[in-house]
Amino acid sequence: MSDVKKAELRRLAEAAAHKDWYAGNAYDKPFILNYQIITDTPDGKYVLLDGNHHFRADCVANVAFVGAANPSAVISLLDECDKLQADTSSMRGSLKSYAENMKKQVKLNTRLQRERDAALAELEALRIQVSTLTEWYSNALDVISEVTAAIPGVTYMDTPDGGDVSIPEQIRRMAKDAGRYRWLRMADWWSSSLCVIRSPKKQAKPGTDCPSRDRLDSAIDEAMSQEAPNA
């Protein structure tokens, strides 16, 4: 029913002089058919409409319907319709709001999934880096262990107790000694200021300078800085 028709029906129901009529008979006799529309007044029953009692079956049914559809019932039904319409409108608004919130939630979930995937990818990259670094560290420990094993005791530490000389410093000292040896093994007696001779007790003459230990290191360092041995 359109709003216009409902408004007109309400207007007619509210304008009716009597609101609570019903089907019955003015004589209030059980053996007389209810073919009248009656309302109660302070002065007694008041007949509003008379049905055509010549067509009893139709008359009783029609009067019963008219009696039930009195203005009060019509107004009550219209009130319920208005309430249902208002509830439906409110529900539509709620559903629209729910749909909008669902769209926002879907967008949020999509963004969170992208962020989750990016975080998982970054975590996987970090895992690979950690694995690589762990492997590198393990290999480095193996190398350090091998290098440490190759260092000859406390030879390249400070005397007399060895001191606290780091492994890199000991390696530098070993490298320096290796350089001295390589220089010395290439040194010739006829061109270098310093060389190695066999059977020094027989070959060295009185007054010959035969440096050893720290003096030999200093002598080689000085010679290395001034001349290059024959290749």
C-alpha atoms as a PDB file:
ATOM      1  CA  MET A   1       0.000   0.000   0.000  1.00  0.00           C
ATOM      2  CA  SER A   2       1.294   3.428  -0.914  1.00  0.00           C
ATOM      3  CA  ASP A   3       1.987   6.067   1.708  1.00  0.00           C
ATOM      4  CA  VAL A   4      -0.820   8.192   0.243  1.00  0.00           C
ATOM      5  CA  LYS A   5      -3.413   5.423   0.675  1.00  0.00           C
ATOM      6  CA  LYS A   6      -2.198   4.654   4.178  1.00  0.00           C
ATOM      7  CA  ALA A   7      -2.418   8.318   5.132  1.00  0.00           C
ATOM      8  CA  GLU A   8      -5.964   8.510   3.774  1.00  0.00           C
ATOM      9  CA  LEU A   9      -6.956   5.319   5.588  1.00  0.00           C
ATOM     10  CA  ARG A  10      -5.577   6.710   8.844  1.00  0.00           C
ATOM     11  CA  ARG A  11      -7.431   9.989   8.313  1.00  0.00           C
ATOM     12  CA  LEU A  12     -10.707   8.153   7.788  1.00  0.00           C
ATOM     13  CA  ALA A  13     -10.153   5.879  10.804  1.00  0.00           C
ATOM     14  CA  GLU A  14      -9.330   8.804  13.077  1.00  0.00           C
ATOM     15  CA  ALA A  15     -12.326  10.769  11.761  1.00  0.00           C
ATOM     16  CA  ALA A  16     -14.795   7.930  12.511  1.00  0.00           C
ATOM     17  CA  ALA A  17     -17.198   8.843  15.312  1.00  0.00           C
ATOM     18  CA  HIS A  18     -16.865   5.470  16.965  1.00  0.00           C
ATOM     19  CA  LYS A  19     -13.633   3.510  17.102  1.00  0.00           C
ATOM     20  CA  ASP A  20     -14.420   0.175  18.733  1.00  0.00           C
ATOM     21  CA  TRP A  21     -17.464  -1.179  16.931  1.00  0.00           C
ATOM     22  CA  TYR A  22     -18.056  -4.878  16.596  1.00  0.00           C
ATOM     23  CA  ALA A  23     -20.363  -7.427  14.955  1.00  0.00           C
ATOM     24  CA  GLY A  24     -23.483  -8.403  16.923  1.00  0.00           C
ATOM     25  CA  ASN A  25     -27.211  -7.788  17.264  1.00  0.00           C
ATOM     26  CA  ALA A  26     -28.948  -5.067  19.170  1.00  0.00           C
ATOM     27  CA  TYR A  27     -31.277  -7.553  20.767  1.00  0.00           C
ATOM     28  CA  ASP A  28     -28.401  -9.428  22.351  1.00  0.00           C
ATOM     29  CA  LYS A  29     -30.183 -12.714  21.629  1.00  0.00           C
ATOM     30  CA  PRO A  30     -28.079 -15.808  20.853  1.00  0.00           C
ATOM     31  CA  PHE A  31     -30.616 -17.133  18.365  1.00  0.00           C
ATOM     32  CA  ILE A  32     -30.484 -13.930  16.293  1.00  0.00           C
ATOM     33  CA  LEU A  33     -27.657 -13.701  13.731  1.00  0.00           C
ATOM     34  CA  ASN A  34     -24.932 -11.089  14.202  1.00  0.00           C
ATOM     35  CA  TYR A  35     -25.860  -9.003  11.199  1.00  0.00           C
ATOM     36  CA  GLN A  36     -25.323  -5.564  12.712  1.00  0.00           C
ATOM     37  CA  ILE A  37     -22.344  -3.319  13.429  1.00  0.00           C
ATOM     38  CA  ILE A  38     -22.741  -2.129  16.996  1.00  0.00           C
ATOM     39  CA  THR A  39     -20.913   0.162  19.368  1.00  0.00           C
ATOM     40  CA  ASP A  40     -21.433   0.603  23.078  1.00  0.00           C
ATOM     41  CA  THR A  41     -22.515   4.034  24.334  1.00  0.00           C
ATOM     42  CA  PRO A  42     -23.423   5.319  27.807  1.00  0.00           C
ATOM     43  CA  ASP A  43     -27.036   4.982  26.702  1.00  0.00           C
ATOM     44  CA  GLY A  44     -26.642   1.368  25.591  1.00  0.00           C
ATOM     45  CA  LYS A  45     -25.913  -0.391  22.360  1.00  0.00           C
ATOM     46  CA  TYR A  46     -25.948   1.720  19.252  1.00  0.00           C
ATOM     47  CA  VAL A  47     -26.415   0.198  15.795  1.00  0.00           C
ATOM     48  CA  LEU A  48     -24.116   1.785  13.266  1.00  0.00           C
ATOM     49  CA  LEU A  49     -24.840  -0.467  10.260  1.00  0.00           C
ATOM     50  CA  ASP A  50     -27.338  -3.135   9.380  1.00  0.00           C
ATOM     51  CA  GLY A  51     -26.323  -6.025   7.160  1.00  0.00           C
ATOM     52  CA  ASN A  52     -28.610  -7.470   4.567  1.00  0.00           C
ATOM     53  CA  HIS A  53     -30.092 -10.347   6.551  1.00  0.00           C
ATOM     54  CA  HIS A  54     -31.785 -11.692   3.445  1.00  0.00           C
ATOM     55  CA  PHE A  55     -28.365 -13.127   2.464  1.00  0.00           C
ATOM     56  CA  ARG A  56     -27.491 -14.567   5.835  1.00  0.00           C
ATOM     57  CA  ALA A  57     -24.255 -16.397   5.008  1.00  0.00           C
ATOM     58  CA  ASP A  58     -22.687 -13.411   3.232  1.00  0.00           C
ATOM     59  CA  CYS A  59     -24.149 -10.958   5.686  1.00  0.00           C
ATOM     60  CA  VAL A  60     -22.697 -12.644   8.767  1.00  0.00           C
ATOM     61  CA  ALA A  61     -19.249 -13.061   7.184  1.00  0.00           C
ATOM     62  CA  ASN A  62     -19.128  -9.483   5.906  1.00  0.00           C
ATOM     63  CA  VAL A  63     -20.379  -8.005   9.159  1.00  0.00           C
ATOM     64  CA  ALA A  64     -17.817 -10.075  11.096  1.00  0.00           C
ATOM     65  CA  PHE A  65     -15.029  -8.660   8.933  1.00  0.00           C
ATOM     66  CA  VAL A  66     -16.291  -5.058   9.188  1.00  0.00           C
ATOM     67  CA  GLY A  67     -16.655  -5.482  12.917  1.00  0.00           C
ATOM     68  CA  ALA A  68     -13.088  -6.724  13.261  1.00  0.00           C
ATOM     69  CA  ALA A  69     -11.739  -3.987  10.968  1.00  0.00           C
ATOM     70  CA  ASN A  70     -12.934  -1.178  13.216  1.00  0.00           C
ATOM     71  CA  PRO A  71     -11.078   2.180  13.316  1.00  0.00           C
ATOM     72  CA  SER A  72      -9.083   1.201  16.425  1.00  0.00           C
ATOM     73  CA  ALA A  73      -7.846  -1.995  14.718  1.00  0.00           C
ATOM     74  CA  VAL A  74      -7.039  -0.085  11.531  1.00  0.00           C
ATOM     75  CA  ILE A  75      -5.116   2.601  13.442  1.00  0.00           C
ATOM     76  CA  SER A  76      -3.241  -0.106  15.375  1.00  0.00           C
ATOM     77  CA  LEU A  77      -2.323  -1.896  12.137  1.00  0.00           C
ATOM     78  CA  LEU A  78      -1.175   1.376  10.573  1.00  0.00           C
ATOM     79  CA  ASP A  79       0.917   2.101  13.666  1.00  0.00           C
ATOM     80  CA  GLU A  80       2.571  -1.304  13.334  1.00  0.00           C
ATOM     81  CA  CYS A  81       3.150  -0.695   9.615  1.00  0.00           C
ATOM     82  CA  ASP A  82       4.794   2.653  10.383  1.00  0.00           C
ATOM     83  CA  LYS A  83       6.963   1.010  13.028  1.00  0.00           C
ATOM     84  CA  LEU A  84       7.950  -1.790  10.658  1.00  0.00           C
ATOM     85  CA  GLN A  85       8.716   0.769   7.952  1.00  0.00           C
ATOM     86  CA  ALA A  86      10.864   2.764  10.385  1.00  0.00           C
ATOM     87  CA  ASP A  87      12.619  -0.420  11.539  1.00  0.00           C
ATOM     88  CA  THR A  88      13.179  -1.426   7.913  1.00  0.00           C
ATOM     89  CA  SER A  89      14.623   1.991   7.129  1.00  0.00           C
ATOM     90  CA  SER A  90      16.848   1.777  10.180  1.00  0.00           C
ATOM     91  CA  MET A  91      17.880  -1.742   9.186  1.00  0.00           C
ATOM     92  CA  ARG A  92      18.723  -0.534   5.689  1.00  0.00           C
ATOM     93  CA  GLY A  93      20.887   2.158   7.221  1.00  0.00           C
ATOM     94  CA  SER A  94      22.545  -0.400   9.473  1.00  0.00           C
ATOM     95  CA  LEU A  95      23.094  -2.764   6.557  1.00  0.00           C
ATOM     96  CA  LYS A  96      24.554   0.066   4.488  1.00  0.00           C
ATOM     97  CA  SER A  97      26.860   1.008   7.350  1.00  0.00           C
ATOM     98  CA  TYR A  98      27.766  -2.663   7.806  1.00  0.00           C
ATOM     99  CA  ALA A  99      28.510  -3.001   4.083  1.00  0.00           C
ATOM    100  CA  GLU A 100      30.716   0.102   4.172  1.00  0.00           C
ATOM    101  CA  ASN A 101      32.522  -1.219   7.235  1.00  0.00           C
ATOM    102  CA  MET A 102      32.976  -4.576   5.512  1.00  0.00           C
ATOM    103  CA  LYS A 103      34.513  -2.832   2.492  1.00  0.00           C
ATOM    104  CA  LYS A 104      36.887  -0.976   4.810  1.00  0.00           C
ATOM    105  CA  GLN A 105      37.682  -4.233   6.603  1.00  0.00           C
ATOM    106  CA  VAL A 106      38.393  -5.975   3.302  1.00  0.00           C
ATOM    107  CA  LYS A 107      40.720  -3.137   2.280  1.00  0.00           C
ATOM    108  CA  LEU A 108      42.394  -3.269   5.698  1.00  0.00           C
ATOM    109  CA  ASN A 109      42.778  -7.052   5.495  1.00  0.00           C
ATOM    110  CA  THR A 110      44.249  -6.746   2.002  1.00  0.00           C
ATOM    111  CA  ARG A 111      46.750  -4.147   3.203  1.00  0.00           C
ATOM    112  CA  LEU A 112      47.618  -6.226   6.269  1.00  0.00           C
ATOM    113  CA  GLN A 113      48.142  -9.286   4.069  1.00  0.00           C
ATOM    114  CA  ARG A 114      50.509  -7.302   1.834  1.00  0.00           C
ATOM    115  CA  GLU A 115      52.382  -6.038   4.884  1.00  0.00           C
ATOM    116  CA  ARG A 116      52.467  -9.585   6.301  1.00  0.00           C
ATOM    117  CA  ASP A 117      53.836 -10.955   3.029  1.00  0.00           C
ATOM    118  CA  ALA A 118      56.448  -8.181   2.896  1.00  0.00           C
ATOM    119  CA  ALA A 119      57.416  -8.888   6.523  1.00  0.00           C
ATOM    120  CA  LEU A 120      57.682 -12.619   5.809  1.00  0.00           C
ATOM    121  CA  ALA A 121      59.858 -11.914   2.759  1.00  0.00           C
ATOM    122  CA  GLU A 122      62.077  -9.616   4.828  1.00  0.00           C
ATOM    123  CA  LEU A 123      62.236 -12.242   7.577  1.00  0.00           C
ATOM    124  CA  GLU A 124      63.264 -14.872   5.038  1.00  0.00           C
ATOM    125  CA  ALA A 125      65.970 -12.543   3.695  1.00  0.00           C
ATOM    126  CA  LEU A 126      67.211 -11.966   7.257  1.00  0.00           C
ATOM    127  CA  ARG A 127      67.178 -15.716   7.873  1.00  0.00           C
ATOM    128  CA  ILE A 128      69.344 -16.249   4.805  1.00  0.00           C
ATOM    129  CA  GLN A 129      71.701 -13.484   5.935  1.00  0.00           C
ATOM    130  CA  VAL A 130      71.931 -14.984   9.425  1.00  0.00           C
ATOM    131  CA  SER A 131      72.592 -18.408   7.918  1.00  0.00           C
ATOM    132  CA  THR A 132      75.284 -16.939   5.660  1.00  0.00           C
ATOM    133  CA  LEU A 133      76.871 -15.022   8.542  1.00  0.00           C
ATOM    134  CA  THR A 134      76.733 -18.121  10.752  1.00  0.00           C
ATOM    135  CA  GLU A 135      78.495 -20.140   8.086  1.00  0.00           C
ATOM    136  CA  TRP A 136      81.036 -17.357   7.551  1.00  0.00           C
ATOM    137  CA  TYR A 137      81.642 -17.118  11.304  1.00  0.00           C
ATOM    138  CA  SER A 138      82.096 -20.876  11.543  1.00  0.00           C
ATOM    139  CA  ASN A 139      84.578 -20.805   8.659  1.00  0.00           C
ATOM    140  CA  ALA A 140      86.364 -17.839  10.248  1.00  0.00           C
ATOM    141  CA  LEU A 141      86.685 -19.779  13.497  1.00  0.00           C
ATOM    142  CA  ASP A 142      88.170 -22.689  11.560  1.00  0.00           C
ATOM    143  CA  VAL A 143      90.656 -20.349   9.857  1.00  0.00           C
ATOM    144  CA  ILE A 144      91.561 -18.728  13.184  1.00  0.00           C
ATOM    145  CA  SER A 145      92.014 -22.178  14.696  1.00  0.00           C
ATOM    146  CA  GLU A 146      94.303 -23.190  11.824  1.00  0.00           C
ATOM    147  CA  VAL A 147      96.266 -19.942  12.028  1.00  0.00           C
ATOM    148  CA  THR A 148      96.575 -20.246  15.782  1.00  0.00           C
ATOM    149  CA  ALA A 149      97.839 -23.796  15.413  1.00  0.00           C
ATOM    150  CA  ALA A 150     100.417 -22.587  12.856  1.00  0.00           C
ATOM    151  CA  ILE A 151     101.898 -19.994  15.241  1.00  0.00           C
ATOM    152  CA  PRO A 152     105.030 -21.489  16.851  1.00  0.00           C
ATOM    153  CA  GLY A 153     104.251 -21.253  20.568  1.00  0.00           C
ATOM    154  CA  VAL A 154     105.328 -18.020  22.214  1.00  0.00           C
ATOM    155  CA  THR A 155     108.008 -17.235  19.627  1.00  0.00           C
ATOM    156  CA  TYR A 156     106.197 -14.144  18.413  1.00  0.00           C
ATOM    157  CA  MET A 157     105.010 -12.996  21.810  1.00  0.00           C
ATOM    158  CA  ASP A 158     106.761 -10.571  24.123  1.00  0.00           C
ATOM    159  CA  THR A 159     109.404 -11.881  26.479  1.00  0.00           C
ATOM    160  CA  PRO A 160     109.816 -13.028  29.146  1.00  0.00           C
ATOM    161  CA  ASP A 161     106.208 -14.187  29.853  1.00  0.00           C
ATOM    162  CA  GLY A 162     104.678 -13.881  26.395  1.00  0.00           C
ATOM    163  CA  GLY A 163     102.506 -10.941  27.359  1.00  0.00           C
ATOM    164  CA  ASP A 164      99.109 -10.266  25.804  1.00  0.00           C
ATOM    165  CA  VAL A 165      99.962 -10.196  22.111  1.00  0.00           C
ATOM    166  CA  SER A 166      97.020 -10.578  19.757  1.00  0.00           C
ATOM    167  CA  ILE A 167      97.020 -13.202  17.028  1.00  0.00           C
ATOM    168  CA  PRO A 168      97.046 -10.558  14.235  1.00  0.00           C
ATOM    169  CA  GLU A 169     100.102  -8.942  15.814  1.00  0.00           C
ATOM    170  CA  GLN A 170     101.851 -12.311  16.047  1.00  0.00           C
ATOM    171  CA  ILE A 171     101.044 -12.929  12.376  1.00  0.00           C
ATOM    172  CA  ARG A 172     102.504  -9.516  11.449  1.00  0.00           C
ATOM    173  CA  ARG A 173     105.669 -10.417  13.328  1.00  0.00           C
ATOM    174  CA  MET A 174     105.812 -13.784  11.527  1.00  0.00           C
ATOM    175  CA  ALA A 175     105.328 -12.034   8.191  1.00  0.00           C
ATOM    176  CA  LYS A 176     108.127  -9.619   8.984  1.00  0.00           C
ATOM    177  CA  ASP A 177     110.478 -12.502   9.827  1.00  0.00           C
ATOM    178  CA  ALA A 178     109.410 -14.278   6.638  1.00  0.00           C
ATOM    179  CA  GLY A 179     110.279 -11.165   4.651  1.00  0.00           C
ATOM    180  CA  ARG A 180     113.690 -11.000   6.296  1.00  0.00           C
ATOM    181  CA  TYR A 181     114.339 -14.632   5.486  1.00  0.00           C
ATOM    182  CA  ARG A 182     113.262 -14.240   1.863  1.00  0.00           C
ATOM    183  CA  TRP A 183     115.552 -11.226   1.537  1.00  0.00           C
ATOM    184  CA  LEU A 184     118.443 -13.002   3.218  1.00  0.00           C
ATOM    185  CA  ARG A 185     118.176 -16.201   1.132  1.00  0.00           C
ATOM    186  CA  MET A 186     118.545 -14.090  -2.010  1.00  0.00           C
ATOM    187  CA  ALA A 187     121.535 -12.114  -0.710  1.00  0.00           C
ATOM    188  CA  ASP A 188     124.933 -12.825  -2.445  1.00  0.00           C
ATOM    189  CA  TRP A 189     128.296 -12.442  -0.724  1.00  0.00           C
ATOM    190  CA  TRP A 190     129.729 -10.324  -3.512  1.00  0.00           C
ATOM    191  CA  SER A 191     126.906  -7.782  -3.812  1.00  0.00           C
ATOM    192  CA  SER A 192     125.171  -7.602  -0.431  1.00  0.00           C
ATOM    193  CA  SER A 193     126.333  -6.031   2.781  1.00  0.00           C
ATOM    194  CA  LEU A 194     124.949  -9.024   4.640  1.00  0.00           C
ATOM    195  CA  CYS A 195     124.786 -12.725   3.723  1.00  0.00           C
ATOM    196  CA  VAL A 196     124.908 -16.247   5.124  1.00  0.00           C
ATOM    197  CA  ILE A 197     128.187 -18.226   5.177  1.00  0.00           C
ATOM    198  CA  ARG A 198     128.744 -21.896   5.863  1.00  0.00           C
ATOM    199  CA  SER A 199     131.158 -23.032   8.641  1.00  0.00           C
ATOM    200  CA  PRO A 200     131.498 -19.583  10.196  1.00  0.00           C
ATOM    201  CA  LYS A 201     134.163 -20.821  12.645  1.00  0.00           C
ATOM    202  CA  LYS A 202     136.431 -21.599   9.728  1.00  0.00           C
ATOM    203  CA  GLN A 203     135.451 -18.754   7.413  1.00  0.00           C
ATOM    204  CA  ALA A 204     135.021 -15.832   9.837  1.00  0.00           C
ATOM    205  CA  LYS A 205     138.191 -13.921  10.621  1.00  0.00           C
ATOM    206  CA  PRO A 206     138.923 -12.258  13.944  1.00  0.00           C
ATOM    207  CA  GLY A 207     137.022  -8.962  14.140  1.00  0.00           C
ATOM    208  CA  THR A 208     134.324 -10.061  11.695  1.00  0.00           C
ATOM    209  CA  ASP A 209     130.857  -8.840  12.746  1.00  0.00           C
ATOM    210  CA  CYS A 210     128.488 -11.822  12.940  1.00  0.00           C
ATOM    211  CA  PRO A 211     125.171 -10.392  14.212  1.00  0.00           C
ATOM    212  CA  SER A 212     122.468 -12.671  15.637  1.00  0.00           C
ATOM    213  CA  ARG A 213     119.079 -12.402  17.281  1.00  0.00           C
ATOM    214  CA  ASP A 214     117.865  -8.791  17.585  1.00  0.00           C
ATOM    215  CA  ARG A 215     121.098  -7.433  16.060  1.00  0.00           C
ATOM    216  CA  LEU A 216     120.608  -9.674  13.037  1.00  0.00           C
ATOM    217  CA  ASP A 217     117.005  -8.448  12.684  1.00  0.00           C
ATOM    218  CA  SER A 218     118.181  -4.840  12.796  1.00  0.00           C
ATOM    219  CA  ALA A 219     120.985  -5.507  10.328  1.00  0.00           C
ATOM    220  CA  ILE A 220     118.637  -7.191   7.845  1.00  0.00           C
ATOM    221  CA  ASP A 221     116.072  -4.390   8.211  1.00  0.00           C
ATOM    222  CA  GLU A 222     118.742  -1.795   7.524  1.00  0.00           C
ATOM    223  CA  ALA A 223     120.074  -3.701   4.536  1.00  0.00           C
ATOM    224  CA  MET A 224     116.577  -4.238   3.147  1.00  0.00           C
ATOM    225  CA  SER A 225     115.931  -0.514   3.307  1.00  0.00           C
ATOM    226  CA  GLN A 226     119.132   0.313   1.388  1.00  0.00           C
ATOM    227  CA  GLU A 227     119.525  -2.421  -1.194  1.00  0.00           C
ATOM    228  CA  ALA A 228     117.679  -5.195  -2.961  1.00  0.00           C
ATOM    229  CA  PRO A 229     119.199  -8.709  -3.170  1.00  0.00           C
ATOM    230  CA  ASN A 230     119.966 -10.241  -6.525  1.00  0.00           C
ATOM    231  CA  ALA A 231     116.973 -12.041  -7.991  1.00  0.00           C
END
